[in-house]
């Protein structure tokens, strides 16, 4: 039987108060230590259920466990990207190859940003910038929950969590202000690295 690594909560790549005033220490603490940990725990539990069912031959709870793998797995993976996409010295705009590709695929940076913000305002979970290896282009994707509306095969390079737990403590129902704040802490160098990884893998 092959060995599988158990899911683990990655540490934040910065201090809990490092993104203030844009995202508070309290929100990062709750969001990382409670919400993200919950997805890690849920994924681990679902994997254990699937393994037990295969061992026993009783698949009566397998359907629910499979749904929990995708929900919690996507929650875990996207949160990990979300943390890494931000930095205390973030902000500004992308440069280099990523900037060129955004302008090529969306017409302009402003055209991309306007569309991404619209996705973030409409989503019931996440707004993602993904690399689509079939069309060989960047796309914005609106994802509900963690796994509804995703594009098969696409590689996320920028993730914005717009679940209410991401911003209500800091901004109340004003999601637009939270989206603006996110752009003040985006680590474009890290996003560019994600993009290069995707292009290098698929092209």
N, C-alpha and C. Protein backbone atom coordinates (compact mmCIF):
# COMPACT_ATOMS: atom_id res chain seq x y z
N UNK A 1 0.85 -1.19 0.00
CA UNK A 1 0.00 0.00 0.00
C UNK A 1 0.89 1.24 0.00
N UNK A 2 0.55 2.22 -0.82
CA UNK A 2 1.39 3.40 -0.94
C UNK A 2 1.25 4.28 0.29
N UNK A 3 2.31 5.03 0.57
CA UNK A 3 2.31 5.94 1.70
C UNK A 3 1.76 7.29 1.27
N UNK A 4 0.84 7.85 2.04
CA UNK A 4 0.30 9.17 1.77
C UNK A 4 0.66 10.09 2.92
N UNK A 5 1.06 11.31 2.60
CA UNK A 5 1.35 12.27 3.65
C UNK A 5 0.04 12.81 4.22
N UNK A 6 -0.01 12.96 5.53
CA UNK A 6 -1.21 13.49 6.17
C UNK A 6 -1.25 14.99 5.97
N UNK A 7 -2.45 15.54 5.78
CA UNK A 7 -2.54 17.00 5.62
C UNK A 7 -2.12 17.71 6.90
N UNK A 8 -1.44 18.81 6.75
CA UNK A 8 -0.97 19.58 7.90
C UNK A 8 -1.26 21.06 7.67
N UNK A 9 -1.54 21.76 8.74
CA UNK A 9 -1.74 23.20 8.67
C UNK A 9 -0.39 23.89 8.52
N UNK A 10 -0.16 24.57 7.41
CA UNK A 10 1.13 25.28 7.27
C UNK A 10 1.14 26.53 8.13
N UNK A 11 2.28 26.89 8.68
CA UNK A 11 2.33 28.14 9.44
C UNK A 11 2.15 29.33 8.52
N UNK A 12 1.63 30.41 9.07
CA UNK A 12 1.58 31.65 8.28
C UNK A 12 3.00 32.07 7.93
N UNK A 13 3.19 32.61 6.71
CA UNK A 13 4.55 33.04 6.33
C UNK A 13 4.93 34.40 6.89
N UNK A 14 4.17 34.90 7.85
CA UNK A 14 4.43 36.21 8.48
C UNK A 14 3.71 36.18 9.83
N UNK A 15 3.96 37.21 10.65
CA UNK A 15 3.31 37.29 11.95
C UNK A 15 1.82 37.58 11.79
N UNK A 16 1.05 37.23 12.79
CA UNK A 16 -0.40 37.41 12.72
C UNK A 16 -0.82 38.87 12.59
N UNK A 17 0.02 39.78 13.08
CA UNK A 17 -0.33 41.20 12.98
C UNK A 17 0.35 41.90 11.81
N UNK A 18 1.00 41.12 10.95
CA UNK A 18 1.86 41.71 9.91
C UNK A 18 1.07 42.39 8.79
N UNK A 19 -0.20 42.04 8.62
CA UNK A 19 -0.97 42.62 7.52
C UNK A 19 -1.87 43.77 7.98
N UNK A 20 -1.74 44.17 9.25
CA UNK A 20 -2.51 45.32 9.73
C UNK A 20 -2.02 46.59 9.05
N UNK A 21 -2.88 47.59 8.80
CA UNK A 21 -4.29 47.66 9.21
C UNK A 21 -5.26 47.01 8.21
N UNK A 22 -4.75 46.40 7.19
CA UNK A 22 -5.63 45.90 6.12
C UNK A 22 -6.39 44.64 6.53
N UNK A 23 -5.70 43.74 7.24
CA UNK A 23 -6.34 42.55 7.81
C UNK A 23 -5.83 42.43 9.24
N UNK A 24 -6.75 42.38 10.19
CA UNK A 24 -6.36 42.46 11.59
C UNK A 24 -5.73 41.17 12.11
N UNK A 25 -4.97 41.33 13.18
CA UNK A 25 -4.38 40.17 13.86
C UNK A 25 -5.47 39.20 14.31
N UNK A 26 -6.59 39.73 14.79
CA UNK A 26 -7.67 38.86 15.26
C UNK A 26 -8.24 38.01 14.13
N UNK A 27 -8.47 38.63 12.98
CA UNK A 27 -9.02 37.89 11.84
C UNK A 27 -8.04 36.82 11.37
N UNK A 28 -6.76 37.17 11.26
CA UNK A 28 -5.79 36.17 10.82
C UNK A 28 -5.69 35.01 11.81
N UNK A 29 -5.78 35.31 13.09
CA UNK A 29 -5.71 34.26 14.10
C UNK A 29 -6.89 33.31 13.97
N UNK A 30 -8.10 33.86 13.93
CA UNK A 30 -9.28 33.03 13.77
C UNK A 30 -9.25 32.27 12.44
N UNK A 31 -8.94 33.01 11.39
CA UNK A 31 -9.03 32.45 10.04
C UNK A 31 -8.03 31.32 9.84
N UNK A 32 -6.80 31.52 10.27
CA UNK A 32 -5.77 30.50 10.09
C UNK A 32 -5.91 29.37 11.10
N UNK A 33 -5.96 29.73 12.39
CA UNK A 33 -5.88 28.71 13.44
C UNK A 33 -7.17 27.91 13.60
N UNK A 34 -8.31 28.52 13.28
CA UNK A 34 -9.58 27.84 13.46
C UNK A 34 -10.17 27.35 12.13
N UNK A 35 -10.38 28.27 11.20
CA UNK A 35 -11.03 27.89 9.94
C UNK A 35 -10.14 26.99 9.09
N UNK A 36 -8.92 27.41 8.84
CA UNK A 36 -8.04 26.59 8.01
C UNK A 36 -7.76 25.25 8.69
N UNK A 37 -7.53 25.29 9.99
CA UNK A 37 -7.30 24.03 10.71
C UNK A 37 -8.51 23.11 10.57
N UNK A 38 -9.70 23.68 10.54
CA UNK A 38 -10.89 22.88 10.37
C UNK A 38 -10.92 22.14 9.05
N UNK A 39 -10.45 22.77 7.98
CA UNK A 39 -10.41 22.10 6.68
C UNK A 39 -9.36 20.99 6.66
N UNK A 40 -8.24 21.23 7.32
CA UNK A 40 -7.21 20.20 7.43
C UNK A 40 -7.77 18.99 8.19
N UNK A 41 -8.45 19.26 9.32
CA UNK A 41 -9.02 18.18 10.10
C UNK A 41 -10.10 17.43 9.32
N UNK A 42 -10.92 18.18 8.59
CA UNK A 42 -11.98 17.57 7.81
C UNK A 42 -11.44 16.69 6.69
N UNK A 43 -10.36 17.13 6.05
CA UNK A 43 -9.74 16.34 5.00
C UNK A 43 -9.16 15.06 5.56
N UNK A 44 -8.47 15.18 6.69
CA UNK A 44 -7.87 14.00 7.31
C UNK A 44 -8.94 12.99 7.73
N UNK A 45 -10.03 13.48 8.30
CA UNK A 45 -11.12 12.61 8.73
C UNK A 45 -11.76 11.90 7.53
N UNK A 46 -11.97 12.64 6.45
CA UNK A 46 -12.59 12.04 5.27
C UNK A 46 -11.69 10.98 4.66
N UNK A 47 -10.39 11.24 4.63
CA UNK A 47 -9.44 10.25 4.10
C UNK A 47 -9.46 8.98 4.96
N UNK A 48 -9.54 9.16 6.27
CA UNK A 48 -9.59 8.00 7.16
C UNK A 48 -10.87 7.19 6.93
N UNK A 49 -11.98 7.87 6.73
CA UNK A 49 -13.24 7.18 6.46
C UNK A 49 -13.15 6.37 5.17
N UNK A 50 -12.59 6.97 4.13
CA UNK A 50 -12.45 6.26 2.86
C UNK A 50 -11.56 5.02 3.02
N UNK A 51 -10.47 5.18 3.75
CA UNK A 51 -9.56 4.04 3.96
C UNK A 51 -10.26 2.93 4.75
N UNK A 52 -11.01 3.30 5.78
CA UNK A 52 -11.75 2.31 6.57
C UNK A 52 -12.79 1.60 5.72
N UNK A 53 -13.47 2.35 4.87
CA UNK A 53 -14.50 1.75 4.02
C UNK A 53 -13.90 0.77 3.02
N UNK A 54 -12.76 1.12 2.47
CA UNK A 54 -12.10 0.20 1.54
C UNK A 54 -11.66 -1.08 2.25
N UNK A 55 -11.22 -0.91 3.49
CA UNK A 55 -10.76 -2.06 4.28
C UNK A 55 -11.92 -3.00 4.64
N UNK A 56 -13.04 -2.38 5.00
CA UNK A 56 -14.18 -3.20 5.47
C UNK A 56 -15.09 -3.66 4.34
N UNK A 57 -15.03 -2.96 3.21
CA UNK A 57 -15.94 -3.28 2.12
C UNK A 57 -17.32 -2.67 2.30
N UNK A 58 -17.49 -1.83 3.32
CA UNK A 58 -18.76 -1.14 3.56
C UNK A 58 -18.64 0.29 3.03
N UNK A 59 -19.35 0.57 1.93
CA UNK A 59 -19.21 1.86 1.26
C UNK A 59 -20.41 2.77 1.51
N UNK A 60 -21.18 2.48 2.56
CA UNK A 60 -22.40 3.25 2.81
C UNK A 60 -22.13 4.72 3.11
N UNK A 61 -20.97 5.04 3.68
CA UNK A 61 -20.65 6.44 3.99
C UNK A 61 -19.64 7.05 3.03
N UNK A 62 -19.34 6.32 1.96
CA UNK A 62 -18.29 6.78 1.04
C UNK A 62 -18.68 8.03 0.27
N UNK A 63 -19.94 8.12 -0.16
CA UNK A 63 -20.37 9.30 -0.92
C UNK A 63 -20.14 10.59 -0.16
N UNK A 64 -20.53 10.60 1.10
CA UNK A 64 -20.33 11.79 1.92
C UNK A 64 -18.86 12.08 2.15
N UNK A 65 -18.08 11.03 2.34
CA UNK A 65 -16.64 11.22 2.57
C UNK A 65 -15.95 11.78 1.33
N UNK A 66 -16.36 11.32 0.15
CA UNK A 66 -15.78 11.86 -1.09
C UNK A 66 -16.10 13.34 -1.23
N UNK A 67 -17.33 13.73 -0.91
CA UNK A 67 -17.69 15.15 -0.95
C UNK A 67 -16.87 15.94 0.04
N UNK A 68 -16.59 15.36 1.21
CA UNK A 68 -15.79 16.04 2.22
C UNK A 68 -14.33 16.19 1.79
N UNK A 69 -13.82 15.23 1.01
CA UNK A 69 -12.46 15.36 0.50
C UNK A 69 -12.35 16.58 -0.41
N UNK A 70 -13.27 16.73 -1.35
CA UNK A 70 -13.16 17.87 -2.27
C UNK A 70 -13.41 19.19 -1.54
N UNK A 71 -14.42 19.23 -0.66
CA UNK A 71 -14.71 20.48 0.04
C UNK A 71 -13.55 20.89 0.94
N UNK A 72 -13.11 19.98 1.79
CA UNK A 72 -12.04 20.31 2.73
C UNK A 72 -10.68 20.38 2.06
N UNK A 73 -10.45 19.52 1.07
CA UNK A 73 -9.19 19.58 0.35
C UNK A 73 -9.01 20.90 -0.38
N UNK A 74 -10.06 21.33 -1.09
CA UNK A 74 -9.97 22.61 -1.78
C UNK A 74 -9.85 23.76 -0.77
N UNK A 75 -10.55 23.65 0.36
CA UNK A 75 -10.42 24.68 1.38
C UNK A 75 -9.00 24.77 1.90
N UNK A 76 -8.39 23.63 2.11
CA UNK A 76 -7.00 23.58 2.60
C UNK A 76 -6.04 24.15 1.55
N UNK A 77 -6.14 23.70 0.31
CA UNK A 77 -5.21 24.11 -0.73
C UNK A 77 -5.35 25.61 -1.04
N UNK A 78 -6.59 26.08 -1.14
CA UNK A 78 -6.79 27.49 -1.49
C UNK A 78 -6.37 28.42 -0.36
N UNK A 79 -6.62 28.02 0.90
CA UNK A 79 -6.16 28.86 2.01
C UNK A 79 -4.64 28.94 2.03
N UNK A 80 -3.97 27.83 1.75
CA UNK A 80 -2.50 27.85 1.72
C UNK A 80 -2.00 28.83 0.68
N UNK A 81 -2.63 28.83 -0.50
CA UNK A 81 -2.26 29.79 -1.55
C UNK A 81 -2.58 31.21 -1.12
N UNK A 82 -3.74 31.40 -0.51
CA UNK A 82 -4.17 32.72 -0.05
C UNK A 82 -3.15 33.34 0.90
N UNK A 83 -2.70 32.57 1.90
CA UNK A 83 -1.69 33.11 2.83
C UNK A 83 -0.42 33.49 2.08
N UNK A 84 0.01 32.62 1.18
CA UNK A 84 1.26 32.86 0.47
C UNK A 84 1.16 34.01 -0.52
N UNK A 85 -0.04 34.31 -0.98
CA UNK A 85 -0.25 35.39 -1.94
C UNK A 85 -0.15 36.77 -1.31
N UNK A 86 -0.05 36.83 0.02
CA UNK A 86 0.00 38.12 0.70
C UNK A 86 1.32 38.30 1.43
N UNK A 87 1.68 39.56 1.66
CA UNK A 87 2.91 39.88 2.37
C UNK A 87 2.80 41.27 2.97
N UNK A 88 3.50 41.52 4.08
CA UNK A 88 3.44 42.84 4.71
C UNK A 88 3.89 43.97 3.79
N UNK A 89 4.82 43.67 2.89
CA UNK A 89 5.32 44.70 1.97
C UNK A 89 4.70 44.55 0.59
N UNK A 90 3.49 43.99 0.54
CA UNK A 90 2.83 43.77 -0.74
C UNK A 90 2.20 45.03 -1.30
N UNK A 91 1.34 44.83 -2.28
CA UNK A 91 0.68 45.95 -2.93
C UNK A 91 1.30 46.28 -4.27
N UNK A 92 0.89 47.38 -4.82
CA UNK A 92 1.38 47.78 -6.14
C UNK A 92 0.72 46.97 -7.24
N UNK A 93 1.45 46.77 -8.32
CA UNK A 93 0.93 46.04 -9.47
C UNK A 93 1.96 45.04 -9.95
N UNK A 94 1.53 44.00 -10.66
CA UNK A 94 2.49 43.01 -11.17
C UNK A 94 3.40 43.61 -12.23
N UNK A 95 4.55 42.99 -12.38
CA UNK A 95 5.53 43.43 -13.38
C UNK A 95 6.00 42.22 -14.18
N UNK A 96 6.84 42.48 -15.17
CA UNK A 96 7.51 41.40 -15.89
C UNK A 96 6.57 40.53 -16.71
N UNK A 97 6.90 39.23 -16.75
CA UNK A 97 6.16 38.29 -17.59
C UNK A 97 4.69 38.18 -17.17
N UNK A 98 4.44 38.22 -15.86
CA UNK A 98 3.06 38.13 -15.40
C UNK A 98 2.25 39.33 -15.88
N UNK A 99 2.81 40.51 -15.77
CA UNK A 99 2.13 41.71 -16.24
C UNK A 99 1.85 41.61 -17.73
N UNK A 100 2.84 41.17 -18.48
CA UNK A 100 2.66 41.04 -19.93
C UNK A 100 1.54 40.06 -20.26
N UNK A 101 1.49 38.94 -19.52
CA UNK A 101 0.48 37.93 -19.80
C UNK A 101 -0.92 38.42 -19.43
N UNK A 102 -1.02 39.14 -18.33
CA UNK A 102 -2.31 39.72 -17.94
C UNK A 102 -2.80 40.67 -19.02
N UNK A 103 -1.92 41.52 -19.52
CA UNK A 103 -2.32 42.47 -20.56
C UNK A 103 -2.68 41.76 -21.85
N UNK A 104 -1.98 40.68 -22.16
CA UNK A 104 -2.28 39.91 -23.36
C UNK A 104 -3.64 39.22 -23.26
N UNK A 105 -3.92 38.62 -22.11
CA UNK A 105 -5.12 37.81 -21.96
C UNK A 105 -6.36 38.61 -21.57
N UNK A 106 -6.18 39.79 -20.95
CA UNK A 106 -7.32 40.58 -20.50
C UNK A 106 -7.39 41.96 -21.14
N UNK A 107 -6.45 42.29 -22.00
CA UNK A 107 -6.46 43.58 -22.67
C UNK A 107 -5.70 44.66 -21.93
N UNK A 108 -5.75 44.62 -20.60
CA UNK A 108 -5.03 45.58 -19.77
C UNK A 108 -5.06 45.09 -18.33
N UNK A 109 -4.20 45.66 -17.51
CA UNK A 109 -4.24 45.32 -16.08
C UNK A 109 -5.56 45.77 -15.48
N UNK A 110 -6.00 46.96 -15.83
CA UNK A 110 -7.27 47.45 -15.28
C UNK A 110 -8.43 46.56 -15.71
N UNK A 111 -8.40 46.04 -16.95
CA UNK A 111 -9.44 45.14 -17.41
C UNK A 111 -9.46 43.86 -16.59
N UNK A 112 -8.25 43.34 -16.31
CA UNK A 112 -8.18 42.14 -15.45
C UNK A 112 -8.70 42.44 -14.05
N UNK A 113 -8.22 43.55 -13.46
CA UNK A 113 -8.57 43.84 -12.08
C UNK A 113 -10.06 44.08 -11.92
N UNK A 114 -10.66 44.80 -12.86
CA UNK A 114 -12.09 45.04 -12.79
C UNK A 114 -12.88 43.74 -12.84
N UNK A 115 -12.47 42.82 -13.68
CA UNK A 115 -13.14 41.53 -13.79
C UNK A 115 -12.93 40.70 -12.54
N UNK A 116 -11.71 40.70 -12.01
CA UNK A 116 -11.39 39.95 -10.79
C UNK A 116 -12.22 40.48 -9.62
N UNK A 117 -12.30 41.79 -9.49
CA UNK A 117 -13.08 42.38 -8.40
C UNK A 117 -14.56 42.03 -8.54
N UNK A 118 -15.06 41.99 -9.77
CA UNK A 118 -16.46 41.59 -9.99
C UNK A 118 -16.67 40.14 -9.56
N UNK A 119 -15.71 39.29 -9.86
CA UNK A 119 -15.79 37.89 -9.43
C UNK A 119 -15.80 37.81 -7.91
N UNK A 120 -14.96 38.61 -7.26
CA UNK A 120 -14.87 38.59 -5.80
C UNK A 120 -16.16 39.09 -5.15
N UNK A 121 -16.81 40.06 -5.77
CA UNK A 121 -18.06 40.59 -5.20
C UNK A 121 -19.22 39.62 -5.40
N UNK A 122 -19.15 38.79 -6.45
CA UNK A 122 -20.26 37.87 -6.76
C UNK A 122 -20.07 36.49 -6.17
N UNK A 123 -18.85 36.13 -5.82
CA UNK A 123 -18.56 34.76 -5.39
C UNK A 123 -19.12 34.45 -4.02
N UNK A 124 -19.46 33.18 -3.82
CA UNK A 124 -19.84 32.70 -2.51
C UNK A 124 -18.71 31.91 -1.89
N UNK A 125 -17.49 32.30 -2.16
CA UNK A 125 -16.33 31.59 -1.63
C UNK A 125 -15.02 32.24 -2.00
N UNK A 126 -14.68 32.18 -3.29
CA UNK A 126 -13.35 32.60 -3.73
C UNK A 126 -13.40 33.29 -5.09
N UNK A 127 -12.50 34.24 -5.28
CA UNK A 127 -12.15 34.73 -6.61
C UNK A 127 -10.73 34.25 -6.88
N UNK A 128 -10.53 33.64 -8.05
CA UNK A 128 -9.23 33.08 -8.39
C UNK A 128 -8.77 33.58 -9.74
N UNK A 129 -7.47 33.86 -9.83
CA UNK A 129 -6.80 34.00 -11.12
C UNK A 129 -6.11 32.67 -11.36
N UNK A 130 -6.46 32.01 -12.46
CA UNK A 130 -5.93 30.69 -12.75
C UNK A 130 -5.26 30.67 -14.11
N UNK A 131 -4.32 29.73 -14.27
CA UNK A 131 -3.76 29.47 -15.58
C UNK A 131 -4.49 28.26 -16.16
N UNK A 132 -5.12 28.45 -17.31
CA UNK A 132 -5.87 27.41 -18.00
C UNK A 132 -4.94 26.74 -19.01
N UNK A 133 -4.49 25.51 -18.75
CA UNK A 133 -3.51 24.88 -19.64
C UNK A 133 -4.11 24.38 -20.94
N UNK A 134 -5.43 24.28 -21.03
CA UNK A 134 -6.06 23.85 -22.28
C UNK A 134 -6.09 25.01 -23.28
N UNK A 135 -6.62 26.15 -22.81
CA UNK A 135 -6.66 27.34 -23.66
C UNK A 135 -5.33 28.09 -23.67
N UNK A 136 -4.43 27.71 -22.74
CA UNK A 136 -3.13 28.36 -22.58
C UNK A 136 -3.30 29.87 -22.35
N UNK A 137 -4.07 30.18 -21.33
CA UNK A 137 -4.27 31.58 -20.98
C UNK A 137 -4.67 31.70 -19.52
N UNK A 138 -4.54 32.91 -19.00
CA UNK A 138 -5.02 33.23 -17.67
C UNK A 138 -6.52 33.49 -17.73
N UNK A 139 -7.20 33.09 -16.66
CA UNK A 139 -8.64 33.34 -16.55
C UNK A 139 -8.97 33.72 -15.11
N UNK A 140 -10.01 34.52 -14.95
CA UNK A 140 -10.61 34.74 -13.64
C UNK A 140 -11.72 33.73 -13.45
N UNK A 141 -11.83 33.20 -12.23
CA UNK A 141 -12.83 32.18 -11.93
C UNK A 141 -13.54 32.56 -10.64
N UNK A 142 -14.85 32.46 -10.64
CA UNK A 142 -15.68 32.68 -9.46
C UNK A 142 -16.04 31.32 -8.89
N UNK A 143 -15.61 31.05 -7.66
CA UNK A 143 -15.84 29.75 -7.04
C UNK A 143 -16.74 29.93 -5.83
N UNK A 144 -17.79 29.13 -5.76
CA UNK A 144 -18.66 29.11 -4.59
C UNK A 144 -18.20 27.99 -3.67
N UNK A 145 -18.38 28.24 -2.35
CA UNK A 145 -17.81 27.37 -1.33
C UNK A 145 -16.30 27.23 -1.62
N UNK A 146 -15.77 26.02 -1.79
CA UNK A 146 -14.37 25.89 -2.16
C UNK A 146 -14.19 25.18 -3.49
N UNK A 147 -15.26 24.55 -3.97
CA UNK A 147 -15.08 23.61 -5.09
C UNK A 147 -16.19 23.66 -6.13
N UNK A 148 -17.03 24.68 -6.09
CA UNK A 148 -18.12 24.79 -7.06
C UNK A 148 -17.84 25.93 -8.03
N UNK A 149 -17.65 25.59 -9.29
CA UNK A 149 -17.33 26.59 -10.29
C UNK A 149 -15.87 26.58 -10.70
N UNK A 150 -15.11 25.62 -10.17
CA UNK A 150 -13.70 25.50 -10.55
C UNK A 150 -13.59 25.03 -12.00
N UNK A 151 -12.47 25.30 -12.61
CA UNK A 151 -12.20 24.89 -13.99
C UNK A 151 -11.23 23.72 -13.94
N UNK A 152 -11.64 22.57 -14.46
CA UNK A 152 -10.80 21.38 -14.41
C UNK A 152 -9.44 21.63 -15.06
N UNK A 153 -8.39 21.22 -14.37
CA UNK A 153 -7.04 21.31 -14.90
C UNK A 153 -6.37 22.64 -14.69
N UNK A 154 -7.15 23.67 -14.31
CA UNK A 154 -6.58 25.00 -14.15
C UNK A 154 -5.73 25.07 -12.88
N UNK A 155 -4.68 25.88 -12.94
CA UNK A 155 -3.75 26.04 -11.83
C UNK A 155 -3.95 27.42 -11.21
N UNK A 156 -4.48 27.51 -9.98
CA UNK A 156 -4.65 28.83 -9.36
C UNK A 156 -3.31 29.49 -9.07
N UNK A 157 -3.21 30.78 -9.38
CA UNK A 157 -1.99 31.54 -9.08
C UNK A 157 -2.25 32.68 -8.10
N UNK A 158 -3.52 33.11 -7.99
CA UNK A 158 -3.88 34.16 -7.03
C UNK A 158 -5.26 33.80 -6.48
N UNK A 159 -5.37 33.80 -5.15
CA UNK A 159 -6.62 33.41 -4.50
C UNK A 159 -7.04 34.49 -3.51
N UNK A 160 -8.30 34.87 -3.59
CA UNK A 160 -8.88 35.81 -2.63
C UNK A 160 -10.09 35.15 -1.98
N UNK A 161 -10.02 34.96 -0.68
CA UNK A 161 -11.08 34.35 0.10
C UNK A 161 -12.12 35.42 0.43
N UNK A 162 -13.35 35.24 -0.04
CA UNK A 162 -14.40 36.21 0.27
C UNK A 162 -15.53 35.59 1.10
N UNK A 163 -15.24 34.45 1.77
CA UNK A 163 -16.17 33.98 2.79
C UNK A 163 -16.27 35.07 3.85
N UNK A 164 -17.42 35.16 4.50
CA UNK A 164 -17.63 36.25 5.46
C UNK A 164 -16.63 36.23 6.61
N UNK A 165 -16.12 35.04 6.97
CA UNK A 165 -15.16 35.01 8.08
C UNK A 165 -13.86 35.71 7.72
N UNK A 166 -13.66 36.00 6.43
CA UNK A 166 -12.44 36.69 6.00
C UNK A 166 -12.45 38.17 6.32
N UNK A 167 -13.63 38.74 6.45
CA UNK A 167 -13.66 40.21 6.51
C UNK A 167 -14.70 40.82 7.44
N UNK A 168 -15.69 40.06 7.92
CA UNK A 168 -16.77 40.69 8.66
C UNK A 168 -16.30 41.38 9.94
N UNK A 169 -15.35 40.78 10.63
CA UNK A 169 -14.87 41.39 11.87
C UNK A 169 -14.23 42.75 11.59
N UNK A 170 -13.51 42.86 10.47
CA UNK A 170 -12.81 44.10 10.13
C UNK A 170 -13.69 45.09 9.37
N UNK A 171 -14.55 44.59 8.48
CA UNK A 171 -15.24 45.48 7.53
C UNK A 171 -16.76 45.38 7.57
N UNK A 172 -17.30 44.51 8.42
CA UNK A 172 -18.74 44.31 8.40
C UNK A 172 -19.18 43.80 7.04
N UNK A 173 -20.34 44.24 6.55
CA UNK A 173 -20.82 43.74 5.26
C UNK A 173 -20.16 44.40 4.05
N UNK A 174 -19.19 45.29 4.29
CA UNK A 174 -18.55 46.04 3.19
C UNK A 174 -17.46 45.20 2.54
N UNK A 175 -17.87 44.23 1.74
CA UNK A 175 -16.90 43.36 1.08
C UNK A 175 -15.99 44.13 0.14
N UNK A 176 -16.52 45.18 -0.50
CA UNK A 176 -15.72 45.96 -1.43
C UNK A 176 -14.48 46.56 -0.78
N UNK A 177 -14.62 47.05 0.46
CA UNK A 177 -13.46 47.62 1.15
C UNK A 177 -12.43 46.54 1.48
N UNK A 178 -12.91 45.35 1.79
CA UNK A 178 -11.98 44.24 2.03
C UNK A 178 -11.23 43.88 0.75
N UNK A 179 -11.91 43.87 -0.37
CA UNK A 179 -11.25 43.57 -1.65
C UNK A 179 -10.19 44.62 -1.94
N UNK A 180 -10.51 45.88 -1.70
CA UNK A 180 -9.52 46.96 -1.87
C UNK A 180 -8.32 46.72 -0.96
N UNK A 181 -8.58 46.33 0.29
CA UNK A 181 -7.50 46.10 1.24
C UNK A 181 -6.61 44.94 0.80
N UNK A 182 -7.22 43.90 0.23
CA UNK A 182 -6.44 42.76 -0.25
C UNK A 182 -5.38 43.21 -1.25
N UNK A 183 -5.73 44.12 -2.13
CA UNK A 183 -4.77 44.57 -3.14
C UNK A 183 -3.63 45.40 -2.54
N UNK A 184 -3.80 45.84 -1.29
CA UNK A 184 -2.71 46.54 -0.61
C UNK A 184 -1.67 45.58 -0.04
N UNK A 185 -1.99 44.28 -0.01
CA UNK A 185 -1.05 43.31 0.58
C UNK A 185 -0.72 42.16 -0.37
N UNK A 186 -1.18 42.21 -1.62
CA UNK A 186 -0.84 41.14 -2.57
C UNK A 186 0.67 41.12 -2.79
N UNK A 187 1.25 39.94 -2.69
CA UNK A 187 2.67 39.74 -2.95
C UNK A 187 2.83 39.32 -4.41
N UNK A 188 3.01 40.29 -5.29
CA UNK A 188 3.03 40.00 -6.73
C UNK A 188 4.23 39.16 -7.13
N UNK A 189 5.31 39.24 -6.38
CA UNK A 189 6.46 38.38 -6.70
C UNK A 189 6.09 36.91 -6.51
N UNK A 190 5.35 36.61 -5.44
CA UNK A 190 4.94 35.23 -5.18
C UNK A 190 3.92 34.78 -6.22
N UNK A 191 3.00 35.67 -6.59
CA UNK A 191 2.03 35.34 -7.63
C UNK A 191 2.74 35.05 -8.94
N UNK A 192 3.75 35.84 -9.25
CA UNK A 192 4.53 35.60 -10.47
C UNK A 192 5.24 34.26 -10.43
N UNK A 193 5.72 33.87 -9.25
CA UNK A 193 6.35 32.54 -9.11
C UNK A 193 5.34 31.44 -9.37
N UNK A 194 4.12 31.59 -8.84
CA UNK A 194 3.06 30.61 -9.09
C UNK A 194 2.75 30.52 -10.58
N UNK A 195 2.70 31.67 -11.22
CA UNK A 195 2.44 31.70 -12.66
C UNK A 195 3.54 30.99 -13.44
N UNK A 196 4.79 31.28 -13.10
CA UNK A 196 5.91 30.63 -13.80
C UNK A 196 5.90 29.13 -13.59
N UNK A 197 5.54 28.69 -12.39
CA UNK A 197 5.43 27.26 -12.12
C UNK A 197 4.37 26.63 -13.01
N UNK A 198 3.23 27.29 -13.13
CA UNK A 198 2.15 26.76 -13.96
C UNK A 198 2.55 26.70 -15.42
N UNK A 199 3.12 27.76 -15.91
CA UNK A 199 3.51 27.80 -17.33
C UNK A 199 4.61 26.79 -17.59
N UNK A 200 5.56 26.69 -16.68
CA UNK A 200 6.65 25.72 -16.87
C UNK A 200 6.16 24.30 -16.85
N UNK A 201 5.11 24.03 -16.11
CA UNK A 201 4.58 22.67 -16.02
C UNK A 201 3.75 22.31 -17.23
N UNK A 202 2.98 23.27 -17.73
CA UNK A 202 2.01 22.96 -18.75
C UNK A 202 2.43 23.31 -20.18
N UNK A 203 3.34 24.27 -20.34
CA UNK A 203 3.66 24.71 -21.70
C UNK A 203 4.97 24.09 -22.18
